Amino acid sequence: MWEKDPTCHWCNIETIWVFKNGGRLPWNAATIDHYFSRYQIDERKKWGSPVVLSCSQCNQRRGSAETRLQPIEELQRRGKQHETNEV
């Protein structure tokens, strides 16, 4: 994907290819982003879950912005999906 077109789908900056195992990515590092967010369930059901090349900064901003828009009940419901029953 990056070799075909290294620009971010969202902001059109040229991304860089980074081989990194842990730690913080540079803001312009190439990442894979879902076109439809995890909260756009109807769109994902209809179109699947296509991905685009995104810079790290856009990928993080989009995820944070989508989460902030969700009602607290939705976030709590999703949080409970990850809880364990360990005592």
Protein backbone atom coordinates (compact mmCIF):
# COMPACT_ATOMS: atom_id res chain seq x y z
CA MET A 1 0.00 0.00 0.00
CA TRP A 2 2.76 2.44 1.02
CA GLU A 3 4.88 1.66 -2.05
CA LYS A 4 1.92 2.41 -4.33
CA ASP A 5 1.15 5.79 -2.71
CA PRO A 6 2.91 6.93 0.50
CA THR A 7 0.55 9.84 1.19
CA CYS A 8 -1.90 9.92 4.09
CA HIS A 9 -5.47 9.34 2.96
CA TRP A 10 -6.77 12.00 5.36
CA CYS A 11 -4.28 14.91 5.19
CA ASN A 12 -2.22 14.06 2.07
CA ILE A 13 1.19 14.46 3.72
CA GLU A 14 3.90 12.07 2.62
CA THR A 15 4.33 9.37 5.25
CA ILE A 16 7.54 7.59 6.17
CA TRP A 17 8.03 3.85 6.52
CA VAL A 18 9.18 2.99 10.03
CA PHE A 19 10.23 -0.40 11.37
CA LYS A 20 9.58 -0.03 15.08
CA ASN A 21 8.82 -2.58 17.76
CA GLY A 22 7.14 -0.63 20.56
CA GLY A 23 7.52 2.97 21.60
CA ARG A 24 6.04 6.08 20.08
CA LEU A 25 5.85 6.44 16.31
CA PRO A 26 6.85 9.65 14.53
CA TRP A 27 3.80 11.79 13.69
CA ASN A 28 4.23 11.10 9.95
CA ALA A 29 4.83 7.36 10.23
CA ALA A 30 2.73 5.25 7.87
CA THR A 31 -0.05 3.34 9.63
CA ILE A 32 -3.05 1.34 8.50
CA ASP A 33 -6.37 2.95 9.43
CA HIS A 34 -9.90 1.64 9.08
CA TYR A 35 -11.94 3.78 6.71
CA PHE A 36 -15.01 3.35 8.92
CA SER A 37 -14.48 3.72 12.66
CA ARG A 38 -15.32 0.97 15.14
CA TYR A 39 -18.47 2.93 15.98
CA GLN A 40 -19.80 3.00 12.40
CA ILE A 41 -21.35 -0.44 12.64
CA ASP A 42 -23.94 -0.01 9.88
CA GLU A 43 -21.31 1.16 7.38
CA ARG A 44 -19.01 -1.73 8.29
CA LYS A 45 -21.86 -4.22 7.84
CA LYS A 46 -22.66 -2.76 4.43
CA TRP A 47 -19.14 -2.11 3.07
CA GLY A 48 -16.90 -4.35 5.15
CA SER A 49 -13.88 -2.88 6.85
CA PRO A 50 -11.70 -1.30 4.16
CA VAL A 51 -8.37 0.16 5.23
CA VAL A 52 -6.38 3.17 4.05
CA LEU A 53 -2.85 4.44 4.58
CA SER A 54 -2.80 7.09 7.29
CA CYS A 55 -0.13 9.07 9.07
CA SER A 56 0.17 8.22 12.74
CA GLN A 57 -1.14 11.65 13.74
CA CYS A 58 -4.38 11.38 11.72
CA ASN A 59 -4.94 7.80 12.86
CA GLN A 60 -4.68 8.78 16.53
CA ARG A 61 -6.75 11.95 16.13
CA ARG A 62 -9.56 10.14 14.35
CA GLY A 63 -9.73 7.43 17.00
CA SER A 64 -9.75 9.91 19.86
CA ALA A 65 -12.34 12.16 18.20
CA GLU A 66 -14.70 9.24 17.51
CA THR A 67 -14.41 8.01 21.10
CA ARG A 68 -15.15 11.48 22.52
CA LEU A 69 -18.38 11.61 20.48
CA GLN A 70 -19.75 8.40 21.98
CA PRO A 71 -22.28 8.45 24.82
CA ILE A 72 -20.91 7.24 28.15
CA GLU A 73 -23.28 4.24 28.05
CA GLU A 74 -21.66 3.00 24.84
CA LEU A 75 -18.17 3.37 26.28
CA GLN A 76 -19.19 1.55 29.46
CA ARG A 77 -20.77 -1.25 27.43
CA ARG A 78 -17.61 -1.66 25.40
CA GLY A 79 -15.46 -1.54 28.55
CA LYS A 80 -17.41 -4.40 30.08
CA GLN A 81 -16.60 -6.54 27.04
CA HIS A 82 -12.94 -6.45 28.11
CA GLU A 83 -13.38 -7.10 31.84
CA THR A 84 -12.31 -10.46 33.23
CA ASN A 85 -13.89 -12.45 36.00
CA GLU A 86 -10.59 -13.03 37.82
CA VAL A 87 -10.65 -12.55 41.59
